[in-house]
Every structure is written in C-alpha cells, then in structure tokens.
Amino acid sequence: MIRVVASIALRLAGCVAIAWAAKRWLGNVAMVTVLPIFGIALAKPIIELASEIGQAMKRAHWRDVEGQRFAFRGQPVSVVSDADKRRWVRLADVRAIAGFTASEGALELTYPGGTRRFAKAAELHLSDEALLAHLRKERSPDAMRLATWVEREIAFPARRERERLGIHAEAVDFHRSD
C-alpha cells in the first residue's frame, strides 16, 4: 500500500509542477488544458489504492477465522491447526452435529494425546484422528456421516499436508481397545 501512496504523491507532485509551469508561462487560460493531466496521471493509482484498502479490510475481517472455515451441512465447525499441521476440531461443534454424550473428562481419559484446550475460554478440541476414532464407535447415522465428512475434509488433507511438508508427527493409535 505504501508503494501506491508514494506513486500517488509523486504523480501529484509532477502534476502540480506542470500546472505551476503552465500558469507561470502561459497564464490562467492554460490551466484548463492542464487539468486533464491530473485525471490521467492519478486515475490508475487511486483505483489501485482503493483495491488494496478493500483487500486489507477483507484480511482484517477474516483474520480471526482464517484456516477455520469448515461447515458440515451448513453447520459451522471450528478447526484449529497447530505447528505440526495436526487439526483440532472444537468439541462443542461436533456435539451440535452428532449429539454424542461422552463427557469432556471421559474423552480426555480415552484420548490423552488427542485432546487439547484452545482459546481464552479453554474449550476442548479433539484431534482429527481422535475424533475419527470416537465417531466410528458411535452408531448413529449422523455420527457415521460426520465421520465420513471429517475423514474427507479435515483428516485426509491434514495428513497429505504433513506428508508434503515432511512432518513426521508421532502416530497415536486410538483404534486399539484396552
């Protein structure tokens, strides 16, 4: 944006210099012929500035939810990605969709490496793999549909991204039954 503002300032200074020289040597009548130069010189940079301001406003508006835009059948699902590119799904959103009744304490005991608390409210999040393991234990049709969606939209792309970046996060086996 600074580049565009500098361009506008430079072009405006040039136009003012031309207008001053025209008035000085040719008089007030020449000012009428110099005015279109302002429009020609400043139109493109002003449009670029307006575009950059719009993009900056869009980035500022969506900054808080960047990387979290997931929705299952119109129901928003908050997803947080950590440094190891592991995705963490907010438990409250999953409960709103699938409606399973396991308590937070039970989930933390069942999936010790698959639960984490994020944000100021310290809301419980399940890792994508822990969520899949838990949803596959549920027998409701909504839980099965959600498990398929989580695998396709959240877990599989996260695994591919880790592979592409060469991140070898330690594998946690949530499928075994003790």
N, C-alpha and C. Protein backbone atom coordinates (compact mmCIF):
# COMPACT_ATOMS: atom_id res chain seq x y z
N MET A 1 0.82 -1.18 0.00
CA MET A 1 0.00 0.00 0.00
C MET A 1 0.88 1.25 0.00
N ILE A 2 2.02 1.18 0.66
CA ILE A 2 2.92 2.33 0.71
C ILE A 2 3.42 2.68 -0.69
N ARG A 3 3.64 1.65 -1.50
CA ARG A 3 4.08 1.88 -2.87
C ARG A 3 3.04 2.68 -3.65
N VAL A 4 1.77 2.35 -3.47
CA VAL A 4 0.70 3.04 -4.19
C VAL A 4 0.57 4.48 -3.70
N VAL A 5 0.65 4.69 -2.39
CA VAL A 5 0.55 6.05 -1.85
C VAL A 5 1.74 6.89 -2.33
N ALA A 6 2.93 6.29 -2.36
CA ALA A 6 4.11 7.01 -2.86
C ALA A 6 3.93 7.36 -4.33
N SER A 7 3.36 6.46 -5.10
CA SER A 7 3.11 6.72 -6.52
C SER A 7 2.13 7.87 -6.69
N ILE A 8 1.08 7.88 -5.88
CA ILE A 8 0.11 8.98 -5.95
C ILE A 8 0.78 10.30 -5.60
N ALA A 9 1.58 10.30 -4.53
CA ALA A 9 2.25 11.54 -4.11
C ALA A 9 3.21 12.04 -5.19
N LEU A 10 3.97 11.13 -5.80
CA LEU A 10 4.92 11.51 -6.84
C LEU A 10 4.19 12.06 -8.07
N ARG A 11 3.15 11.37 -8.49
CA ARG A 11 2.38 11.84 -9.66
C ARG A 11 1.69 13.17 -9.38
N LEU A 12 1.16 13.32 -8.16
CA LEU A 12 0.51 14.58 -7.79
C LEU A 12 1.52 15.72 -7.80
N ALA A 13 2.72 15.46 -7.29
CA ALA A 13 3.77 16.49 -7.30
C ALA A 13 4.14 16.87 -8.73
N GLY A 14 4.24 15.89 -9.62
CA GLY A 14 4.55 16.17 -11.03
C GLY A 14 3.45 16.99 -11.69
N CYS A 15 2.20 16.63 -11.41
CA CYS A 15 1.08 17.37 -11.99
C CYS A 15 1.04 18.81 -11.48
N VAL A 16 1.30 19.00 -10.21
CA VAL A 16 1.32 20.36 -9.64
C VAL A 16 2.45 21.16 -10.27
N ALA A 17 3.60 20.54 -10.48
CA ALA A 17 4.72 21.24 -11.11
C ALA A 17 4.37 21.65 -12.54
N ILE A 18 3.74 20.75 -13.29
CA ILE A 18 3.33 21.08 -14.66
C ILE A 18 2.29 22.20 -14.64
N ALA A 19 1.33 22.13 -13.73
CA ALA A 19 0.30 23.16 -13.65
C ALA A 19 0.92 24.51 -13.27
N TRP A 20 1.86 24.52 -12.34
CA TRP A 20 2.50 25.77 -11.94
C TRP A 20 3.28 26.38 -13.12
N ALA A 21 4.01 25.50 -13.86
CA ALA A 21 4.79 26.00 -15.00
C ALA A 21 3.85 26.54 -16.09
N ALA A 22 2.74 25.86 -16.34
CA ALA A 22 1.79 26.32 -17.36
C ALA A 22 1.18 27.65 -16.97
N LYS A 23 0.84 27.83 -15.71
CA LYS A 23 0.26 29.10 -15.26
C LYS A 23 1.30 30.20 -15.32
N ARG A 24 2.50 29.88 -14.95
CA ARG A 24 3.58 30.89 -14.90
C ARG A 24 3.91 31.41 -16.30
N TRP A 25 4.01 30.49 -17.30
CA TRP A 25 4.43 30.91 -18.63
C TRP A 25 3.28 31.22 -19.57
N LEU A 26 2.15 30.54 -19.40
CA LEU A 26 1.06 30.72 -20.36
C LEU A 26 -0.16 31.43 -19.78
N GLY A 27 -0.23 31.59 -18.45
CA GLY A 27 -1.35 32.29 -17.83
C GLY A 27 -2.45 31.34 -17.38
N ASN A 28 -3.55 31.96 -16.89
CA ASN A 28 -4.67 31.19 -16.32
C ASN A 28 -5.40 30.34 -17.36
N VAL A 29 -5.40 30.75 -18.61
CA VAL A 29 -6.11 30.00 -19.66
C VAL A 29 -5.47 28.62 -19.85
N ALA A 30 -4.19 28.50 -19.68
CA ALA A 30 -3.51 27.22 -19.87
C ALA A 30 -3.88 26.22 -18.78
N MET A 31 -4.34 26.69 -17.64
CA MET A 31 -4.73 25.79 -16.55
C MET A 31 -5.85 24.84 -16.97
N VAL A 32 -6.75 25.31 -17.81
CA VAL A 32 -7.86 24.47 -18.27
C VAL A 32 -7.34 23.29 -19.09
N THR A 33 -6.32 23.50 -19.85
CA THR A 33 -5.77 22.41 -20.66
C THR A 33 -4.88 21.47 -19.85
N VAL A 34 -4.39 21.92 -18.69
CA VAL A 34 -3.51 21.11 -17.85
C VAL A 34 -4.32 20.19 -16.91
N LEU A 35 -5.52 20.57 -16.56
CA LEU A 35 -6.33 19.79 -15.61
C LEU A 35 -6.55 18.34 -16.02
N PRO A 36 -6.77 18.00 -17.29
CA PRO A 36 -6.92 16.58 -17.64
C PRO A 36 -5.70 15.73 -17.31
N ILE A 37 -4.54 16.35 -17.24
CA ILE A 37 -3.33 15.60 -16.88
C ILE A 37 -3.48 15.01 -15.48
N PHE A 38 -4.11 15.75 -14.57
CA PHE A 38 -4.34 15.24 -13.20
C PHE A 38 -5.16 13.95 -13.26
N GLY A 39 -6.23 13.96 -14.03
CA GLY A 39 -7.09 12.78 -14.14
C GLY A 39 -6.37 11.59 -14.75
N ILE A 40 -5.60 11.85 -15.81
CA ILE A 40 -4.88 10.77 -16.49
C ILE A 40 -3.79 10.19 -15.58
N ALA A 41 -3.08 11.06 -14.89
CA ALA A 41 -1.95 10.60 -14.07
C ALA A 41 -2.39 9.93 -12.77
N LEU A 42 -3.53 10.32 -12.23
CA LEU A 42 -3.92 9.83 -10.90
C LEU A 42 -4.99 8.74 -10.90
N ALA A 43 -5.63 8.49 -12.03
CA ALA A 43 -6.74 7.53 -12.05
C ALA A 43 -6.30 6.12 -11.64
N LYS A 44 -5.29 5.59 -12.30
CA LYS A 44 -4.87 4.22 -12.02
C LYS A 44 -4.37 4.04 -10.58
N PRO A 45 -3.49 4.91 -10.06
CA PRO A 45 -3.05 4.73 -8.67
C PRO A 45 -4.17 4.84 -7.64
N ILE A 46 -5.15 5.69 -7.89
CA ILE A 46 -6.26 5.82 -6.95
C ILE A 46 -7.11 4.55 -6.96
N ILE A 47 -7.31 3.97 -8.12
CA ILE A 47 -8.05 2.71 -8.21
C ILE A 47 -7.27 1.59 -7.52
N GLU A 48 -5.94 1.55 -7.71
CA GLU A 48 -5.12 0.55 -7.03
C GLU A 48 -5.17 0.72 -5.52
N LEU A 49 -5.16 1.97 -5.05
CA LEU A 49 -5.25 2.23 -3.62
C LEU A 49 -6.60 1.75 -3.06
N ALA A 50 -7.68 2.03 -3.78
CA ALA A 50 -9.00 1.56 -3.34
C ALA A 50 -9.05 0.04 -3.28
N SER A 51 -8.44 -0.63 -4.26
CA SER A 51 -8.40 -2.08 -4.28
C SER A 51 -7.60 -2.63 -3.10
N GLU A 52 -6.45 -2.04 -2.82
CA GLU A 52 -5.62 -2.51 -1.70
C GLU A 52 -6.30 -2.26 -0.36
N ILE A 53 -7.00 -1.16 -0.23
CA ILE A 53 -7.75 -0.89 1.01
C ILE A 53 -8.84 -1.94 1.19
N GLY A 54 -9.54 -2.28 0.11
CA GLY A 54 -10.57 -3.31 0.18
C GLY A 54 -10.00 -4.67 0.58
N GLN A 55 -8.85 -5.03 0.01
CA GLN A 55 -8.22 -6.31 0.36
C GLN A 55 -7.75 -6.31 1.81
N ALA A 56 -7.21 -5.17 2.28
CA ALA A 56 -6.76 -5.09 3.67
C ALA A 56 -7.95 -5.21 4.62
N MET A 57 -9.08 -4.61 4.25
CA MET A 57 -10.28 -4.72 5.09
C MET A 57 -10.78 -6.17 5.12
N LYS A 58 -10.73 -6.85 3.99
CA LYS A 58 -11.16 -8.25 3.94
C LYS A 58 -10.25 -9.13 4.80
N ARG A 59 -8.92 -8.91 4.70
CA ARG A 59 -7.99 -9.68 5.53
C ARG A 59 -8.23 -9.43 7.01
N ALA A 60 -8.46 -8.17 7.38
CA ALA A 60 -8.71 -7.84 8.79
C ALA A 60 -10.01 -8.48 9.28
N HIS A 61 -11.01 -8.51 8.42
CA HIS A 61 -12.31 -9.08 8.80
C HIS A 61 -12.21 -10.58 9.03
N TRP A 62 -11.49 -11.30 8.17
CA TRP A 62 -11.42 -12.76 8.24
C TRP A 62 -10.23 -13.28 9.03
N ARG A 63 -9.39 -12.40 9.57
CA ARG A 63 -8.17 -12.82 10.27
C ARG A 63 -8.46 -13.79 11.41
N ASP A 64 -9.53 -13.55 12.17
CA ASP A 64 -9.82 -14.38 13.34
C ASP A 64 -10.26 -15.80 12.99
N VAL A 65 -10.78 -15.99 11.80
CA VAL A 65 -11.27 -17.32 11.43
C VAL A 65 -10.48 -17.94 10.29
N GLU A 66 -9.33 -17.40 9.97
CA GLU A 66 -8.53 -17.94 8.88
C GLU A 66 -8.12 -19.37 9.20
N GLY A 67 -8.32 -20.25 8.24
CA GLY A 67 -7.97 -21.65 8.42
C GLY A 67 -9.02 -22.44 9.18
N GLN A 68 -10.14 -21.82 9.52
CA GLN A 68 -11.15 -22.48 10.33
C GLN A 68 -12.48 -22.57 9.61
N ARG A 69 -12.50 -22.32 8.34
CA ARG A 69 -13.76 -22.26 7.61
C ARG A 69 -14.18 -23.64 7.13
N PHE A 70 -14.82 -24.39 8.00
CA PHE A 70 -15.36 -25.69 7.66
C PHE A 70 -16.83 -25.68 8.04
N ALA A 71 -17.63 -26.40 7.28
CA ALA A 71 -19.05 -26.50 7.61
C ALA A 71 -19.56 -27.87 7.18
N PHE A 72 -20.31 -28.50 8.06
CA PHE A 72 -20.94 -29.78 7.76
C PHE A 72 -22.43 -29.53 7.62
N ARG A 73 -22.93 -29.64 6.41
CA ARG A 73 -24.35 -29.42 6.13
C ARG A 73 -24.84 -28.08 6.66
N GLY A 74 -24.06 -27.05 6.44
CA GLY A 74 -24.44 -25.70 6.86
C GLY A 74 -24.11 -25.37 8.30
N GLN A 75 -23.70 -26.34 9.08
CA GLN A 75 -23.34 -26.12 10.49
C GLN A 75 -21.85 -25.81 10.55
N PRO A 76 -21.45 -24.61 11.03
CA PRO A 76 -20.02 -24.28 11.08
C PRO A 76 -19.27 -25.16 12.08
N VAL A 77 -18.05 -25.53 11.71
CA VAL A 77 -17.19 -26.36 12.55
C VAL A 77 -15.86 -25.64 12.68
N SER A 78 -15.50 -25.30 13.90
CA SER A 78 -14.25 -24.60 14.16
C SER A 78 -13.09 -25.59 14.19
N VAL A 79 -12.08 -25.32 13.37
CA VAL A 79 -10.91 -26.19 13.27
C VAL A 79 -9.67 -25.34 13.45
N VAL A 80 -8.78 -25.80 14.33
CA VAL A 80 -7.52 -25.10 14.60
C VAL A 80 -6.39 -26.01 14.15
N SER A 81 -5.42 -25.44 13.47
CA SER A 81 -4.27 -26.21 13.02
C SER A 81 -3.06 -25.80 13.86
N ASP A 82 -2.31 -26.79 14.35
CA ASP A 82 -1.14 -26.47 15.17
C ASP A 82 0.13 -26.44 14.31
N ALA A 83 1.28 -26.29 14.95
CA ALA A 83 2.55 -26.17 14.23
C ALA A 83 2.90 -27.44 13.47
N ASP A 84 2.45 -28.60 13.96
CA ASP A 84 2.71 -29.87 13.28
C ASP A 84 1.66 -30.19 12.22
N LYS A 85 0.83 -29.20 11.89
CA LYS A 85 -0.24 -29.34 10.89
C LYS A 85 -1.26 -30.39 11.28
N ARG A 86 -1.39 -30.64 12.58
CA ARG A 86 -2.45 -31.51 13.08
C ARG A 86 -3.67 -30.62 13.30
N ARG A 87 -4.82 -31.08 12.90
CA ARG A 87 -6.03 -30.28 13.01
C ARG A 87 -6.82 -30.70 14.24
N TRP A 88 -7.34 -29.69 14.94
CA TRP A 88 -8.09 -29.88 16.18
C TRP A 88 -9.48 -29.31 15.98
N VAL A 89 -10.49 -30.14 16.23
CA VAL A 89 -11.89 -29.78 15.99
C VAL A 89 -12.56 -29.48 17.33
N ARG A 90 -13.29 -28.37 17.38
CA ARG A 90 -13.95 -27.97 18.63
C ARG A 90 -15.06 -28.95 18.97
N LEU A 91 -15.03 -29.46 20.19
CA LEU A 91 -15.97 -30.49 20.63
C LEU A 91 -17.41 -29.98 20.63
N ALA A 92 -17.62 -28.73 21.00
CA ALA A 92 -18.99 -28.19 21.04
C ALA A 92 -19.64 -28.23 19.66
N ASP A 93 -18.86 -27.98 18.61
CA ASP A 93 -19.41 -28.03 17.25
C ASP A 93 -19.77 -29.46 16.86
N VAL A 94 -18.94 -30.40 17.25
CA VAL A 94 -19.21 -31.81 16.95
C VAL A 94 -20.47 -32.27 17.68
N ARG A 95 -20.59 -31.86 18.94
CA ARG A 95 -21.79 -32.24 19.71
C ARG A 95 -23.06 -31.65 19.10
N ALA A 96 -22.97 -30.44 18.56
CA ALA A 96 -24.14 -29.81 17.93
C ALA A 96 -24.58 -30.60 16.70
N ILE A 97 -23.65 -31.25 16.05
CA ILE A 97 -23.98 -32.01 14.83
C ILE A 97 -24.36 -33.45 15.15
N ALA A 98 -23.47 -34.16 15.86
CA ALA A 98 -23.67 -35.59 16.09
C ALA A 98 -24.44 -35.89 17.36
N GLY A 99 -24.31 -35.01 18.35
CA GLY A 99 -25.06 -35.17 19.58
C GLY A 99 -24.60 -36.30 20.48
N PHE A 100 -23.34 -36.73 20.42
CA PHE A 100 -22.92 -37.81 21.30
C PHE A 100 -22.77 -37.31 22.73
N THR A 101 -22.83 -38.21 23.69
CA THR A 101 -22.97 -37.82 25.09
C THR A 101 -21.73 -38.05 25.94
N ALA A 102 -20.60 -38.41 25.38
CA ALA A 102 -19.39 -38.62 26.19
C ALA A 102 -18.98 -37.30 26.83
N SER A 103 -18.66 -37.35 28.10
CA SER A 103 -18.26 -36.12 28.80
C SER A 103 -16.85 -35.73 28.41
N GLU A 104 -16.50 -34.47 28.70
CA GLU A 104 -15.16 -33.99 28.38
C GLU A 104 -14.11 -34.78 29.14
N GLY A 105 -14.39 -35.08 30.40
CA GLY A 105 -13.44 -35.85 31.20
C GLY A 105 -13.21 -37.24 30.63
N ALA A 106 -14.29 -37.89 30.20
CA ALA A 106 -14.17 -39.23 29.62
C ALA A 106 -13.37 -39.19 28.32
N LEU A 107 -13.59 -38.16 27.52
CA LEU A 107 -12.84 -38.04 26.27
C LEU A 107 -11.36 -37.78 26.54
N GLU A 108 -11.07 -36.96 27.56
CA GLU A 108 -9.67 -36.69 27.90
C GLU A 108 -8.97 -37.94 28.41
N LEU A 109 -9.70 -38.80 29.11
CA LEU A 109 -9.11 -40.06 29.58
C LEU A 109 -8.96 -41.06 28.46
N THR A 110 -9.93 -41.12 27.56
CA THR A 110 -9.91 -42.08 26.47
C THR A 110 -8.85 -41.72 25.42
N TYR A 111 -8.72 -40.43 25.14
CA TYR A 111 -7.79 -39.95 24.10
C TYR A 111 -6.82 -38.95 24.73
N PRO A 112 -5.88 -39.40 25.55
CA PRO A 112 -5.00 -38.46 26.25
C PRO A 112 -4.15 -37.59 25.32
N GLY A 113 -3.69 -38.13 24.21
CA GLY A 113 -2.91 -37.33 23.27
C GLY A 113 -3.77 -36.69 22.21
N GLY A 114 -5.06 -36.93 22.26
CA GLY A 114 -5.95 -36.44 21.22
C GLY A 114 -6.87 -35.33 21.68
N THR A 115 -6.66 -34.81 22.89
CA THR A 115 -7.47 -33.69 23.37
C THR A 115 -6.56 -32.54 23.73
N ARG A 116 -7.07 -31.34 23.52
CA ARG A 116 -6.31 -30.14 23.86
C ARG A 116 -7.31 -29.00 24.04
N ARG A 117 -6.97 -28.08 24.91
CA ARG A 117 -7.83 -26.91 25.14
C ARG A 117 -7.21 -25.71 24.46
N PHE A 118 -8.03 -24.98 23.69
CA PHE A 118 -7.58 -23.81 22.95
C PHE A 118 -8.42 -22.61 23.34
N ALA A 119 -7.93 -21.46 23.00
CA ALA A 119 -8.61 -20.17 23.12
C ALA A 119 -8.70 -19.72 24.57
N LYS A 120 -9.21 -18.53 24.74
CA LYS A 120 -9.32 -17.94 26.08
C LYS A 120 -10.32 -18.72 26.94
N ALA A 121 -11.36 -19.24 26.31
CA ALA A 121 -12.38 -19.97 27.05
C ALA A 121 -11.94 -21.40 27.36
N ALA A 122 -10.78 -21.80 26.89
CA ALA A 122 -10.23 -23.15 27.11
C ALA A 122 -11.24 -24.22 26.72
N GLU A 123 -11.78 -24.09 25.51
CA GLU A 123 -12.73 -25.07 25.01
C GLU A 123 -11.98 -26.32 24.56
N LEU A 124 -12.58 -27.46 24.80
CA LEU A 124 -11.94 -28.73 24.46
C LEU A 124 -12.02 -28.95 22.95
N HIS A 125 -10.89 -29.35 22.38
CA HIS A 125 -10.78 -29.71 20.97
C HIS A 125 -10.25 -31.13 20.88
N LEU A 126 -10.74 -31.87 19.91
CA LEU A 126 -10.24 -33.23 19.63
C LEU A 126 -9.40 -33.19 18.37
N SER A 127 -8.31 -33.95 18.37
CA SER A 127 -7.52 -34.05 17.15
C SER A 127 -8.35 -34.77 16.10
N ASP A 128 -7.99 -34.56 14.85
CA ASP A 128 -8.76 -35.19 13.77
C ASP A 128 -8.79 -36.70 13.90
N GLU A 129 -7.67 -37.30 14.29
CA GLU A 129 -7.61 -38.76 14.43
C GLU A 129 -8.44 -39.25 15.63
N ALA A 130 -8.38 -38.53 16.75
CA ALA A 130 -9.17 -38.91 17.92
C ALA A 130 -10.66 -38.77 17.63
N LEU A 131 -11.01 -37.71 16.92
CA LEU A 131 -12.42 -37.51 16.57
C LEU A 131 -12.91 -38.63 15.67
N LEU A 132 -12.10 -39.02 14.69
CA LEU A 132 -12.50 -40.13 13.82
C LEU A 132 -12.67 -41.41 14.61
N ALA A 133 -11.73 -41.70 15.51
CA ALA A 133 -11.83 -42.92 16.33
C ALA A 133 -13.10 -42.89 17.17
N HIS A 134 -13.42 -41.74 17.74
CA HIS A 134 -14.61 -41.65 18.59
C HIS A 134 -15.90 -41.75 17.75
N LEU A 135 -15.93 -41.07 16.61
CA LEU A 135 -17.13 -41.13 15.78
C LEU A 135 -17.38 -42.52 15.23
N ARG A 136 -16.34 -43.27 14.99
CA ARG A 136 -16.51 -44.63 14.47
C ARG A 136 -17.06 -45.58 15.53
N LYS A 137 -16.94 -45.21 16.81
CA LYS A 137 -17.54 -46.02 17.88
C LYS A 137 -19.03 -45.72 18.03
N GLU A 138 -19.44 -44.54 17.61
CA GLU A 138 -20.86 -44.17 17.69
C GLU A 138 -21.64 -44.89 16.60
N ARG A 139 -22.88 -45.17 16.87
CA ARG A 139 -23.69 -45.93 15.91
C ARG A 139 -24.79 -45.11 15.25
N SER A 140 -24.90 -43.85 15.58
CA SER A 140 -25.98 -43.05 14.98
C SER A 140 -25.62 -42.72 13.53
N PRO A 141 -26.63 -42.57 12.68
CA PRO A 141 -26.37 -42.22 11.27
C PRO A 141 -25.66 -40.86 11.13
N ASP A 142 -26.03 -39.90 11.99
CA ASP A 142 -25.37 -38.60 11.93
C ASP A 142 -23.89 -38.71 12.24
N ALA A 143 -23.53 -39.54 13.21
CA ALA A 143 -22.13 -39.73 13.57
C ALA A 143 -21.36 -40.40 12.43
N MET A 144 -21.98 -41.33 11.74
CA MET A 144 -21.32 -42.00 10.63
C MET A 144 -21.10 -41.04 9.46
N ARG A 145 -22.13 -40.23 9.17
CA ARG A 145 -21.98 -39.23 8.11
C ARG A 145 -20.91 -38.20 8.47
N LEU A 146 -20.90 -37.79 9.74
CA LEU A 146 -19.90 -36.83 10.19
C LEU A 146 -18.50 -37.44 10.12
N ALA A 147 -18.36 -38.71 10.47
CA ALA A 147 -17.05 -39.37 10.39
C ALA A 147 -16.54 -39.38 8.96
N THR A 148 -17.41 -39.66 8.02
CA THR A 148 -17.02 -39.65 6.61
C THR A 148 -16.59 -38.26 6.18
N TRP A 149 -17.34 -37.25 6.61
CA TRP A 149 -17.01 -35.87 6.26
C TRP A 149 -15.69 -35.45 6.90
N VAL A 150 -15.47 -35.79 8.17
CA VAL A 150 -14.22 -35.43 8.86
C VAL A 150 -13.04 -36.08 8.16
N GLU A 151 -13.18 -37.34 7.78
CA GLU A 151 -12.10 -38.02 7.07
C GLU A 151 -11.78 -37.33 5.76
N ARG A 152 -12.81 -36.99 5.00
CA ARG A 152 -12.62 -36.41 3.67
C ARG A 152 -12.16 -34.96 3.71
N GLU A 153 -12.74 -34.14 4.59
CA GLU A 153 -12.48 -32.70 4.58
C GLU A 153 -11.41 -32.23 5.55
N ILE A 154 -11.18 -32.96 6.64
CA ILE A 154 -10.27 -32.47 7.67
C ILE A 154 -9.05 -33.37 7.82
N ALA A 155 -9.25 -34.66 8.10
CA ALA A 155 -8.13 -35.55 8.43
C ALA A 155 -7.25 -35.87 7.21
N PHE A 156 -7.85 -36.27 6.11
CA PHE A 156 -7.07 -36.65 4.94
C PHE A 156 -6.23 -35.48 4.40
N PRO A 157 -6.82 -34.27 4.21
CA PRO A 157 -5.99 -33.15 3.75
C PRO A 157 -4.86 -32.80 4.73
N ALA A 158 -5.11 -32.95 6.03
CA ALA A 158 -4.06 -32.67 7.02
C ALA A 158 -2.92 -33.67 6.90
N ARG A 159 -3.25 -34.95 6.71
CA ARG A 159 -2.22 -35.98 6.52
C ARG A 159 -1.38 -35.70 5.27
N ARG A 160 -2.05 -35.35 4.19
CA ARG A 160 -1.35 -35.05 2.94
C ARG A 160 -0.44 -33.83 3.11
N GLU A 161 -0.91 -32.84 3.81
CA GLU A 161 -0.09 -31.64 4.04
C GLU A 161 1.15 -31.98 4.87
N ARG A 162 0.97 -32.82 5.90
CA ARG A 162 2.13 -33.23 6.70
C ARG A 162 3.12 -34.03 5.86
N GLU A 163 2.61 -34.90 5.01
CA GLU A 163 3.50 -35.67 4.13
C GLU A 163 4.24 -34.76 3.17
N ARG A 164 3.53 -33.81 2.59
CA ARG A 164 4.14 -32.89 1.63
C ARG A 164 5.22 -32.05 2.28
N LEU A 165 5.00 -31.62 3.52
CA LEU A 165 5.97 -30.80 4.23
C LEU A 165 7.04 -31.62 4.95
N GLY A 166 6.89 -32.94 4.94
CA GLY A 166 7.88 -33.80 5.59
C GLY A 166 7.79 -33.78 7.10
N ILE A 167 6.62 -33.52 7.64
CA ILE A 167 6.42 -33.51 9.09
C ILE A 167 6.03 -34.91 9.53
N HIS A 168 6.82 -35.46 10.43
CA HIS A 168 6.56 -36.82 10.93
C HIS A 168 6.11 -36.71 12.38
N ALA A 169 4.83 -36.43 12.57
CA ALA A 169 4.28 -36.37 13.92
C ALA A 169 4.13 -37.79 14.43
N GLU A 170 4.33 -37.95 15.74
CA GLU A 170 4.23 -39.29 16.30
C GLU A 170 2.80 -39.80 16.16
N ALA A 171 2.70 -41.00 15.69
CA ALA A 171 1.39 -41.61 15.46
C ALA A 171 0.81 -42.08 16.78
N VAL A 172 -0.45 -41.77 16.98
CA VAL A 172 -1.16 -42.21 18.18
C VAL A 172 -2.23 -43.18 17.73
N ASP A 173 -2.26 -44.35 18.35
CA ASP A 173 -3.22 -45.37 17.96
C ASP A 173 -4.44 -45.28 18.86
N PHE A 174 -5.52 -44.70 18.32
CA PHE A 174 -6.75 -44.58 19.08
C PHE A 174 -7.69 -45.73 18.79
N HIS A 175 -7.31 -46.61 17.87
CA HIS A 175 -8.22 -47.68 17.45
C HIS A 175 -8.14 -48.92 18.31
N ARG A 176 -7.09 -49.06 19.09
CA ARG A 176 -6.97 -50.26 19.93
C ARG A 176 -7.92 -50.17 21.11
N SER A 177 -8.37 -51.26 21.58
CA SER A 177 -9.26 -51.28 22.74
C SER A 177 -8.56 -52.01 23.88
N ASP A 178 -8.38 -51.31 25.01
CA ASP A 178 -7.68 -51.89 26.18
C ASP A 178 -8.66 -52.49 27.14
